């Protein structure tokens, strides 16, 4: 695990702790980051959806 120092607005941290079912600030921030990454990956997949080619039907 990498140690990082980040300065965050107190109001944002307070709101995160209100809405996140986390045991502490670290866990709340980690879960928020994981959720953001997950959403971005899903957005990317949605953009790709429907862009692939459909297999051609076999001719009889």
C-alpha atoms as a PDB file:
ATOM      1  CA  UNK A   1       0.000   0.000   0.000  1.00  0.00           C
ATOM      2  CA  UNK A   2       1.254   3.467  -0.873  1.00  0.00           C
ATOM      3  CA  UNK A   3       1.145   6.244   1.693  1.00  0.00           C
ATOM      4  CA  UNK A   4      -0.166   9.532   0.305  1.00  0.00           C
ATOM      5  CA  UNK A   5      -0.957  12.866   1.894  1.00  0.00           C
ATOM      6  CA  UNK A   6      -3.953  14.692   0.441  1.00  0.00           C
ATOM      7  CA  UNK A   7      -5.599  17.905   1.593  1.00  0.00           C
ATOM      8  CA  UNK A   8      -9.387  17.676   1.267  1.00  0.00           C
ATOM      9  CA  UNK A   9     -12.105  20.206   2.041  1.00  0.00           C
ATOM     10  CA  UNK A  10     -13.526  19.414   5.492  1.00  0.00           C
ATOM     11  CA  UNK A  11     -17.120  19.816   4.254  1.00  0.00           C
ATOM     12  CA  UNK A  12     -16.500  17.174   1.588  1.00  0.00           C
ATOM     13  CA  UNK A  13     -15.010  14.741   4.100  1.00  0.00           C
ATOM     14  CA  UNK A  14     -17.906  15.320   6.498  1.00  0.00           C
ATOM     15  CA  UNK A  15     -20.450  14.687   3.747  1.00  0.00           C
ATOM     16  CA  UNK A  16     -18.625  11.545   2.653  1.00  0.00           C
ATOM     17  CA  UNK A  17     -18.651  10.213   6.208  1.00  0.00           C
ATOM     18  CA  UNK A  18     -22.386  10.958   6.432  1.00  0.00           C
ATOM     19  CA  UNK A  19     -23.256   8.985   3.294  1.00  0.00           C
ATOM     20  CA  UNK A  20     -20.611   6.240   3.355  1.00  0.00           C
ATOM     21  CA  UNK A  21     -21.058   3.297   5.705  1.00  0.00           C
ATOM     22  CA  UNK A  22     -17.349   3.279   6.543  1.00  0.00           C
ATOM     23  CA  UNK A  23     -15.641   2.681   9.877  1.00  0.00           C
ATOM     24  CA  UNK A  24     -13.158   5.526   9.404  1.00  0.00           C
ATOM     25  CA  UNK A  25     -12.019   8.267   7.020  1.00  0.00           C
ATOM     26  CA  UNK A  26      -9.478   6.073   5.265  1.00  0.00           C
ATOM     27  CA  UNK A  27     -12.023   3.399   4.481  1.00  0.00           C
ATOM     28  CA  UNK A  28     -14.544   6.006   3.304  1.00  0.00           C
ATOM     29  CA  UNK A  29     -12.028   7.600   0.935  1.00  0.00           C
ATOM     30  CA  UNK A  30     -10.822   4.247  -0.413  1.00  0.00           C
ATOM     31  CA  UNK A  31     -14.406   3.131  -1.079  1.00  0.00           C
ATOM     32  CA  UNK A  32     -15.207   6.445  -2.786  1.00  0.00           C
ATOM     33  CA  UNK A  33     -12.174   6.097  -5.058  1.00  0.00           C
ATOM     34  CA  UNK A  34     -13.057   2.481  -5.878  1.00  0.00           C
ATOM     35  CA  UNK A  35     -16.633   3.502  -6.704  1.00  0.00           C
ATOM     36  CA  UNK A  36     -15.423   6.296  -8.995  1.00  0.00           C
ATOM     37  CA  UNK A  37     -13.101   3.913 -10.845  1.00  0.00           C
ATOM     38  CA  UNK A  38     -15.904   1.363 -11.212  1.00  0.00           C
ATOM     39  CA  UNK A  39     -18.285   3.976 -12.631  1.00  0.00           C
ATOM     40  CA  UNK A  40     -15.720   5.235 -15.132  1.00  0.00           C
ATOM     41  CA  UNK A  41     -15.061   1.682 -16.349  1.00  0.00           C
ATOM     42  CA  UNK A  42     -18.796   1.055 -16.733  1.00  0.00           C
ATOM     43  CA  UNK A  43     -19.169   4.294 -18.703  1.00  0.00           C
ATOM     44  CA  UNK A  44     -16.383   3.168 -21.027  1.00  0.00           C
ATOM     45  CA  UNK A  45     -18.065  -0.207 -21.543  1.00  0.00           C
ATOM     46  CA  UNK A  46     -21.399   1.474 -22.289  1.00  0.00           C
ATOM     47  CA  UNK A  47     -19.737   3.638 -24.927  1.00  0.00           C
ATOM     48  CA  UNK A  48     -18.345   0.508 -26.569  1.00  0.00           C
ATOM     49  CA  UNK A  49     -21.654  -1.362 -26.443  1.00  0.00           C
ATOM     50  CA  UNK A  50     -23.159  -1.819 -29.861  1.00  0.00           C
ATOM     51  CA  UNK A  51     -19.984  -0.900 -31.728  1.00  0.00           C
ATOM     52  CA  UNK A  52     -18.946  -4.455 -32.425  1.00  0.00           C
ATOM     53  CA  UNK A  53     -19.862  -6.294 -35.563  1.00  0.00           C
ATOM     54  CA  UNK A  54     -22.504  -8.924 -35.498  1.00  0.00           C
ATOM     55  CA  UNK A  55     -21.502 -12.309 -36.845  1.00  0.00           C
ATOM     56  CA  UNK A  56     -22.809 -12.934 -40.337  1.00  0.00           C
ATOM     57  CA  UNK A  57     -25.531 -15.473 -40.691  1.00  0.00           C
ATOM     58  CA  UNK A  58     -24.465 -18.718 -42.285  1.00  0.00           C
ATOM     59  CA  UNK A  59     -25.673 -19.118 -45.838  1.00  0.00           C
ATOM     60  CA  UNK A  60     -27.644 -22.245 -46.524  1.00  0.00           C
END
